[in-house]
Structures are given as structure tokens and as C-alpha cells.
Amino acid sequence: MAETSRTARSTLRERTRAVMREEVIEIAFRLFSEQGFDKTTVEQIAAEAGLSRTTFFRYFGTKEELVLGRMSEFGPRIAAALAARPADEGPWEALRRCFDVITEPTAEEPQTFLNLMRLLDDACALMTRQWEKTQGWHSLLVPQIRHRLGGDPESTHDLRAHALVGSAISCLDAATDAWTAAGGTTPLSELLDQAMGVLVEPPA
């Protein structure tokens, strides 16, 4: 009984923490939109949220984490989507379809994702950290693609999977840049199809 009570309290604390984090993120994004990322301070965000600076850092390690935290979940979700693709599906098509994890939310809430990408564009430090994060997707996706190619998922000698994953991520980056520059007027899914299609049928 005591163990159940402790579990319930722990779950409640986790839910409360998640709600507070989301509230702070929303406040921060509003301030970033109004003032820019660099001109918005941790102290301003904390004050708007009714938190002390010390309490803010209990929820977020850095100001950048407010933005990048929303991106961090994409890697595992993309890897899970790739794992769920049909076993007989080609690796390039499987990579395209697992990126639906990103393209579908942009279709449903384009402004939210546009705001996020513009923040990344406005702050060099954020762009650098986001690049590092997407490069980290390699370690999640390469073993799965290597397996689809009929190789040993643990092997480091077969470069085909690295080449395919790296190319797919580059296509996603190019499509996202074009989508952001155009203000989301063309669906990201269409731009990604165009980018990845070039490597299937190179232009004349």
C-alpha cells in the first residue's frame, strides 16, 4: 500500500513538472517572438512564469534547452517509426516515411513549427546544437538501415547505411530550410518528396 502511495505521488510530481515545463516554454516562445532569442534573458522568462532564477534552472539547464527540448524527442520517435515500417520496404522509402513524424505535425500546426525553425535560424548557437542533435540521429537510424540492407547492424565496415542516412537527413534539412523560407506555403512533405526524389532520379 505504501509503495502504491509513493508511486502515485511520484507520478503526480512528474505530471506537475511536465505542466510547468510546458507553461515556461510557451512563455519563453512568446518573449522570443517579441524580443528575439538573444535579447530575452532567463530572468525575464522566470519572472513571467512566476519562478525564481534558481527554480528555472531546476526545470531547464540552459535557455537554449527551452527551444531544443521540443526537438529532442524527434530522434527516438523517428527511429521508432523506422522500426515500424514493413520489413520488405526499401531503405530509402522507409527513411522517407519515418520522417512523417516531422512532416505531419508541420501540416497540422505550421505556425508552431515555423516559429521554432525561425528561432533556430536567428541564433547561431541554437543552429549549432540542433545540427549536433540531428547528427545524433545517425546512431539511431544506421543500424536499422544496415539491417534492411542485409548486413550486420553492429558492423562498422559497410558504409552504405551511413551514406543513405546522411543523405536522407541532408534532404530533410534542405526541405525544412525551403519550407521555412517560404513561410510554410508549400507542405513540408512535398518539399521533402522533391529533395529525396532527386537522389532516386537525378535531374537531367
C-alpha atoms as a PDB file:
ATOM      1  CA  MET A   1       0.000   0.000   0.000  1.00  0.00           C
ATOM      2  CA  ALA A   2       2.833   2.369   0.931  1.00  0.00           C
ATOM      3  CA  GLU A   3       4.600   1.559  -2.332  1.00  0.00           C
ATOM      4  CA  THR A   4       1.427   2.386  -4.295  1.00  0.00           C
ATOM      5  CA  SER A   5       1.145   5.710  -2.473  1.00  0.00           C
ATOM      6  CA  ARG A   6       4.773   6.592  -3.233  1.00  0.00           C
ATOM      7  CA  THR A   7       4.247   5.691  -6.895  1.00  0.00           C
ATOM      8  CA  ALA A   8       1.132   7.871  -7.078  1.00  0.00           C
ATOM      9  CA  ARG A   9       2.975  10.836  -5.533  1.00  0.00           C
ATOM     10  CA  SER A  10       5.880  10.349  -7.928  1.00  0.00           C
ATOM     11  CA  THR A  11       3.516  10.244 -10.917  1.00  0.00           C
ATOM     12  CA  LEU A  12       1.761  13.409  -9.728  1.00  0.00           C
ATOM     13  CA  ARG A  13       5.087  15.205  -9.348  1.00  0.00           C
ATOM     14  CA  GLU A  14       6.098  14.167 -12.855  1.00  0.00           C
ATOM     15  CA  ARG A  15       2.806  15.428 -14.305  1.00  0.00           C
ATOM     16  CA  THR A  16       3.102  18.697 -12.395  1.00  0.00           C
ATOM     17  CA  ARG A  17       6.674  19.124 -13.598  1.00  0.00           C
ATOM     18  CA  ALA A  18       5.639  18.442 -17.209  1.00  0.00           C
ATOM     19  CA  VAL A  19       2.827  21.025 -16.995  1.00  0.00           C
ATOM     20  CA  MET A  20       5.187  23.637 -15.535  1.00  0.00           C
ATOM     21  CA  ARG A  21       7.827  22.965 -18.197  1.00  0.00           C
ATOM     22  CA  GLU A  22       5.249  23.402 -20.953  1.00  0.00           C
ATOM     23  CA  GLU A  23       3.993  26.643 -19.393  1.00  0.00           C
ATOM     24  CA  VAL A  24       7.515  28.054 -19.181  1.00  0.00           C
ATOM     25  CA  ILE A  25       8.226  27.028 -22.790  1.00  0.00           C
ATOM     26  CA  GLU A  26       5.095  28.828 -24.001  1.00  0.00           C
ATOM     27  CA  ILE A  27       6.070  31.982 -22.103  1.00  0.00           C
ATOM     28  CA  ALA A  28       9.607  31.806 -23.444  1.00  0.00           C
ATOM     29  CA  PHE A  29       8.447  31.404 -27.039  1.00  0.00           C
ATOM     30  CA  ARG A  30       6.215  34.465 -26.678  1.00  0.00           C
ATOM     31  CA  LEU A  31       9.124  36.528 -25.359  1.00  0.00           C
ATOM     32  CA  PHE A  32      11.467  35.185 -28.030  1.00  0.00           C
ATOM     33  CA  SER A  33       8.924  36.195 -30.682  1.00  0.00           C
ATOM     34  CA  GLU A  34       8.550  39.689 -29.212  1.00  0.00           C
ATOM     35  CA  GLN A  35      12.181  40.423 -28.369  1.00  0.00           C
ATOM     36  CA  GLY A  36      14.341  37.873 -30.139  1.00  0.00           C
ATOM     37  CA  PHE A  37      16.185  34.961 -28.592  1.00  0.00           C
ATOM     38  CA  ASP A  38      19.401  36.765 -27.677  1.00  0.00           C
ATOM     39  CA  LYS A  39      17.665  39.743 -26.038  1.00  0.00           C
ATOM     40  CA  THR A  40      15.434  37.589 -23.860  1.00  0.00           C
ATOM     41  CA  THR A  41      17.015  36.701 -20.546  1.00  0.00           C
ATOM     42  CA  VAL A  42      16.454  33.794 -18.206  1.00  0.00           C
ATOM     43  CA  GLU A  43      15.441  36.306 -15.548  1.00  0.00           C
ATOM     44  CA  GLN A  44      12.669  37.674 -17.773  1.00  0.00           C
ATOM     45  CA  ILE A  45      11.331  34.229 -18.559  1.00  0.00           C
ATOM     46  CA  ALA A  46      11.420  33.177 -14.905  1.00  0.00           C
ATOM     47  CA  ALA A  47       9.665  36.381 -13.779  1.00  0.00           C
ATOM     48  CA  GLU A  48       6.883  35.951 -16.354  1.00  0.00           C
ATOM     49  CA  ALA A  49       6.403  32.372 -15.173  1.00  0.00           C
ATOM     50  CA  GLY A  50       6.415  33.372 -11.504  1.00  0.00           C
ATOM     51  CA  LEU A  51       9.623  31.462 -10.809  1.00  0.00           C
ATOM     52  CA  SER A  52      12.930  32.380  -9.277  1.00  0.00           C
ATOM     53  CA  ARG A  53      16.069  32.082 -11.398  1.00  0.00           C
ATOM     54  CA  THR A  54      17.137  29.114  -9.268  1.00  0.00           C
ATOM     55  CA  THR A  55      13.821  27.338  -9.788  1.00  0.00           C
ATOM     56  CA  PHE A  56      14.019  27.961 -13.531  1.00  0.00           C
ATOM     57  CA  PHE A  57      17.278  26.027 -13.663  1.00  0.00           C
ATOM     58  CA  ARG A  58      15.639  23.096 -11.905  1.00  0.00           C
ATOM     59  CA  TYR A  59      13.441  22.724 -14.971  1.00  0.00           C
ATOM     60  CA  PHE A  60      15.890  23.741 -17.712  1.00  0.00           C
ATOM     61  CA  GLY A  61      19.660  23.522 -17.779  1.00  0.00           C
ATOM     62  CA  THR A  62      20.042  26.410 -20.248  1.00  0.00           C
ATOM     63  CA  LYS A  63      17.951  28.942 -22.127  1.00  0.00           C
ATOM     64  CA  GLU A  64      18.698  27.006 -25.341  1.00  0.00           C
ATOM     65  CA  GLU A  65      17.060  23.923 -23.856  1.00  0.00           C
ATOM     66  CA  LEU A  66      13.703  25.713 -23.968  1.00  0.00           C
ATOM     67  CA  VAL A  67      13.876  25.623 -27.754  1.00  0.00           C
ATOM     68  CA  LEU A  68      15.829  22.459 -28.381  1.00  0.00           C
ATOM     69  CA  GLY A  69      13.795  20.458 -25.872  1.00  0.00           C
ATOM     70  CA  ARG A  70      10.976  20.384 -28.394  1.00  0.00           C
ATOM     71  CA  MET A  71      13.311  18.977 -31.000  1.00  0.00           C
ATOM     72  CA  SER A  72      14.972  16.394 -28.771  1.00  0.00           C
ATOM     73  CA  GLU A  73      12.092  13.940 -28.902  1.00  0.00           C
ATOM     74  CA  PHE A  74      12.161  13.650 -32.685  1.00  0.00           C
ATOM     75  CA  GLY A  75      15.195  11.350 -32.866  1.00  0.00           C
ATOM     76  CA  PRO A  76      13.705   8.466 -30.836  1.00  0.00           C
ATOM     77  CA  ARG A  77      10.310   8.959 -32.499  1.00  0.00           C
ATOM     78  CA  ILE A  78      11.842   8.801 -35.979  1.00  0.00           C
ATOM     79  CA  ALA A  79      13.770   5.668 -35.014  1.00  0.00           C
ATOM     80  CA  ALA A  80      10.577   4.067 -33.672  1.00  0.00           C
ATOM     81  CA  ALA A  81       8.726   4.972 -36.875  1.00  0.00           C
ATOM     82  CA  LEU A  82      11.521   3.443 -38.948  1.00  0.00           C
ATOM     83  CA  ALA A  83      11.386   0.237 -36.907  1.00  0.00           C
ATOM     84  CA  ALA A  84       7.638   0.041 -37.538  1.00  0.00           C
ATOM     85  CA  ARG A  85       7.954   0.230 -41.330  1.00  0.00           C
ATOM     86  CA  PRO A  86       7.267  -3.009 -43.295  1.00  0.00           C
ATOM     87  CA  ALA A  87      10.263  -5.325 -43.327  1.00  0.00           C
ATOM     88  CA  ASP A  88      10.170  -5.646 -47.125  1.00  0.00           C
ATOM     89  CA  GLU A  89      10.135  -1.879 -47.706  1.00  0.00           C
ATOM     90  CA  GLY A  90      13.258  -0.441 -49.331  1.00  0.00           C
ATOM     91  CA  PRO A  91      15.598   1.528 -47.037  1.00  0.00           C
ATOM     92  CA  TRP A  92      15.195   4.838 -48.897  1.00  0.00           C
ATOM     93  CA  GLU A  93      11.394   4.659 -48.856  1.00  0.00           C
ATOM     94  CA  ALA A  94      11.468   3.607 -45.190  1.00  0.00           C
ATOM     95  CA  LEU A  95      13.596   6.645 -44.361  1.00  0.00           C
ATOM     96  CA  ARG A  96      11.209   8.930 -46.236  1.00  0.00           C
ATOM     97  CA  ARG A  97       8.179   7.542 -44.457  1.00  0.00           C
ATOM     98  CA  CYS A  98       9.717   7.677 -40.968  1.00  0.00           C
ATOM     99  CA  PHE A  99      10.184  11.438 -41.475  1.00  0.00           C
ATOM    100  CA  ASP A 100       6.384  11.719 -41.426  1.00  0.00           C
ATOM    101  CA  VAL A 101       6.958  12.130 -37.685  1.00  0.00           C
ATOM    102  CA  ILE A 102       8.148  15.632 -38.600  1.00  0.00           C
ATOM    103  CA  THR A 103       6.165  16.468 -41.729  1.00  0.00           C
ATOM    104  CA  GLU A 104       2.739  15.619 -40.309  1.00  0.00           C
ATOM    105  CA  PRO A 105       2.910  17.992 -37.300  1.00  0.00           C
ATOM    106  CA  THR A 106       4.029  20.815 -39.604  1.00  0.00           C
ATOM    107  CA  ALA A 107       0.883  20.293 -41.659  1.00  0.00           C
ATOM    108  CA  GLU A 108      -1.342  20.295 -38.575  1.00  0.00           C
ATOM    109  CA  GLU A 109       0.315  23.220 -36.752  1.00  0.00           C
ATOM    110  CA  PRO A 110       2.531  25.005 -39.286  1.00  0.00           C
ATOM    111  CA  GLN A 111       2.941  28.218 -37.289  1.00  0.00           C
ATOM    112  CA  THR A 112       4.303  26.439 -34.220  1.00  0.00           C
ATOM    113  CA  PHE A 113       6.986  24.710 -36.245  1.00  0.00           C
ATOM    114  CA  LEU A 114       7.736  27.848 -38.273  1.00  0.00           C
ATOM    115  CA  ASN A 115       8.332  29.774 -35.058  1.00  0.00           C
ATOM    116  CA  LEU A 116      10.684  27.050 -33.881  1.00  0.00           C
ATOM    117  CA  MET A 117      12.684  26.973 -37.113  1.00  0.00           C
ATOM    118  CA  ARG A 118      12.935  30.761 -37.221  1.00  0.00           C
ATOM    119  CA  LEU A 119      14.294  30.737 -33.699  1.00  0.00           C
ATOM    120  CA  LEU A 120      16.928  28.241 -34.784  1.00  0.00           C
ATOM    121  CA  ASP A 121      17.809  30.447 -37.746  1.00  0.00           C
ATOM    122  CA  ASP A 122      18.099  33.554 -35.565  1.00  0.00           C
ATOM    123  CA  ALA A 123      20.537  32.096 -33.039  1.00  0.00           C
ATOM    124  CA  CYS A 124      23.825  30.624 -34.262  1.00  0.00           C
ATOM    125  CA  ALA A 125      24.350  28.689 -31.021  1.00  0.00           C
ATOM    126  CA  LEU A 126      20.961  27.040 -31.446  1.00  0.00           C
ATOM    127  CA  MET A 127      21.698  26.126 -35.052  1.00  0.00           C
ATOM    128  CA  THR A 128      24.969  24.517 -33.996  1.00  0.00           C
ATOM    129  CA  ARG A 129      23.354  22.490 -31.247  1.00  0.00           C
ATOM    130  CA  GLN A 130      20.469  21.469 -33.499  1.00  0.00           C
ATOM    131  CA  TRP A 131      22.944  20.295 -36.140  1.00  0.00           C
ATOM    132  CA  GLU A 132      24.707  18.233 -33.475  1.00  0.00           C
ATOM    133  CA  LYS A 133      21.378  16.764 -32.405  1.00  0.00           C
ATOM    134  CA  THR A 134      20.314  15.728 -35.909  1.00  0.00           C
ATOM    135  CA  GLN A 135      23.733  14.186 -36.457  1.00  0.00           C
ATOM    136  CA  GLY A 136      22.989  12.110 -33.363  1.00  0.00           C
ATOM    137  CA  TRP A 137      20.095  10.569 -35.287  1.00  0.00           C
ATOM    138  CA  HIS A 138      22.714   8.606 -37.236  1.00  0.00           C
ATOM    139  CA  SER A 139      23.420   6.293 -34.333  1.00  0.00           C
ATOM    140  CA  LEU A 140      19.682   5.534 -34.045  1.00  0.00           C
ATOM    141  CA  LEU A 141      18.946   5.023 -37.730  1.00  0.00           C
ATOM    142  CA  VAL A 142      22.086   3.499 -39.233  1.00  0.00           C
ATOM    143  CA  PRO A 143      21.793   0.057 -37.534  1.00  0.00           C
ATOM    144  CA  GLN A 144      18.205  -0.282 -38.753  1.00  0.00           C
ATOM    145  CA  ILE A 145      19.097   0.666 -42.323  1.00  0.00           C
ATOM    146  CA  ARG A 146      22.105  -1.656 -42.248  1.00  0.00           C
ATOM    147  CA  HIS A 147      19.770  -4.483 -41.212  1.00  0.00           C
ATOM    148  CA  ARG A 148      17.396  -3.640 -44.091  1.00  0.00           C
ATOM    149  CA  LEU A 149      20.355  -3.872 -46.436  1.00  0.00           C
ATOM    150  CA  GLY A 150      21.015  -7.390 -45.201  1.00  0.00           C
ATOM    151  CA  GLY A 151      24.109  -6.547 -43.212  1.00  0.00           C
ATOM    152  CA  ASP A 152      25.143  -6.867 -39.598  1.00  0.00           C
ATOM    153  CA  PRO A 153      23.563  -3.996 -37.588  1.00  0.00           C
ATOM    154  CA  GLU A 154      26.713  -3.865 -35.434  1.00  0.00           C
ATOM    155  CA  SER A 155      29.171  -3.739 -38.331  1.00  0.00           C
ATOM    156  CA  THR A 156      31.230  -0.598 -38.893  1.00  0.00           C
ATOM    157  CA  HIS A 157      32.678  -1.589 -42.264  1.00  0.00           C
ATOM    158  CA  ASP A 158      29.610  -1.240 -44.507  1.00  0.00           C
ATOM    159  CA  LEU A 159      29.274   2.449 -45.404  1.00  0.00           C
ATOM    160  CA  ARG A 160      26.039   2.121 -47.392  1.00  0.00           C
ATOM    161  CA  ALA A 161      23.782   2.695 -44.380  1.00  0.00           C
ATOM    162  CA  HIS A 162      25.787   5.750 -43.275  1.00  0.00           C
ATOM    163  CA  ALA A 163      25.551   7.205 -46.774  1.00  0.00           C
ATOM    164  CA  LEU A 164      21.803   6.635 -47.005  1.00  0.00           C
ATOM    165  CA  VAL A 165      21.010   8.040 -43.560  1.00  0.00           C
ATOM    166  CA  GLY A 166      23.295  11.034 -44.027  1.00  0.00           C
ATOM    167  CA  SER A 167      21.763  11.792 -47.420  1.00  0.00           C
ATOM    168  CA  ALA A 168      18.217  11.477 -46.070  1.00  0.00           C
ATOM    169  CA  ILE A 169      18.919  13.859 -43.190  1.00  0.00           C
ATOM    170  CA  SER A 170      20.520  16.337 -45.611  1.00  0.00           C
ATOM    171  CA  CYS A 171      17.381  16.167 -47.769  1.00  0.00           C
ATOM    172  CA  LEU A 172      15.248  16.822 -44.707  1.00  0.00           C
ATOM    173  CA  ASP A 173      17.419  19.819 -43.789  1.00  0.00           C
ATOM    174  CA  ALA A 174      17.176  21.229 -47.328  1.00  0.00           C
ATOM    175  CA  ALA A 175      13.406  20.759 -47.432  1.00  0.00           C
ATOM    176  CA  THR A 176      12.971  22.329 -43.997  1.00  0.00           C
ATOM    177  CA  ASP A 177      15.077  25.353 -44.976  1.00  0.00           C
ATOM    178  CA  ALA A 178      12.996  25.859 -48.125  1.00  0.00           C
ATOM    179  CA  TRP A 179       9.752  25.390 -46.200  1.00  0.00           C
ATOM    180  CA  THR A 180      10.768  27.937 -43.565  1.00  0.00           C
ATOM    181  CA  ALA A 181      11.959  30.478 -46.147  1.00  0.00           C
ATOM    182  CA  ALA A 182       8.615  30.213 -47.962  1.00  0.00           C
ATOM    183  CA  GLY A 183       6.647  30.652 -44.753  1.00  0.00           C
ATOM    184  CA  GLY A 184       5.192  27.166 -44.910  1.00  0.00           C
ATOM    185  CA  THR A 185       3.193  27.888 -48.067  1.00  0.00           C
ATOM    186  CA  THR A 186       4.211  24.583 -49.658  1.00  0.00           C
ATOM    187  CA  PRO A 187       3.728  21.490 -47.456  1.00  0.00           C
ATOM    188  CA  LEU A 188       6.989  20.213 -45.995  1.00  0.00           C
ATOM    189  CA  SER A 189       6.046  16.699 -47.103  1.00  0.00           C
ATOM    190  CA  GLU A 190       6.008  17.822 -50.764  1.00  0.00           C
ATOM    191  CA  LEU A 191       9.367  19.565 -50.455  1.00  0.00           C
ATOM    192  CA  LEU A 192      10.870  16.509 -48.807  1.00  0.00           C
ATOM    193  CA  ASP A 193       9.499  14.290 -51.589  1.00  0.00           C
ATOM    194  CA  GLN A 194      11.164  16.589 -54.115  1.00  0.00           C
ATOM    195  CA  ALA A 195      14.502  16.594 -52.283  1.00  0.00           C
ATOM    196  CA  MET A 196      14.642  12.859 -51.731  1.00  0.00           C
ATOM    197  CA  GLY A 197      13.303  12.200 -55.220  1.00  0.00           C
ATOM    198  CA  VAL A 198      16.336  13.918 -56.746  1.00  0.00           C
ATOM    199  CA  LEU A 199      18.566  11.172 -55.371  1.00  0.00           C
ATOM    200  CA  VAL A 200      16.320   8.490 -56.820  1.00  0.00           C
ATOM    201  CA  GLU A 201      16.039  10.108 -60.255  1.00  0.00           C
ATOM    202  CA  PRO A 202      18.787  12.741 -60.634  1.00  0.00           C
ATOM    203  CA  PRO A 203      17.811  15.719 -62.830  1.00  0.00           C
ATOM    204  CA  ALA A 204      18.995  15.721 -66.434  1.00  0.00           C
END
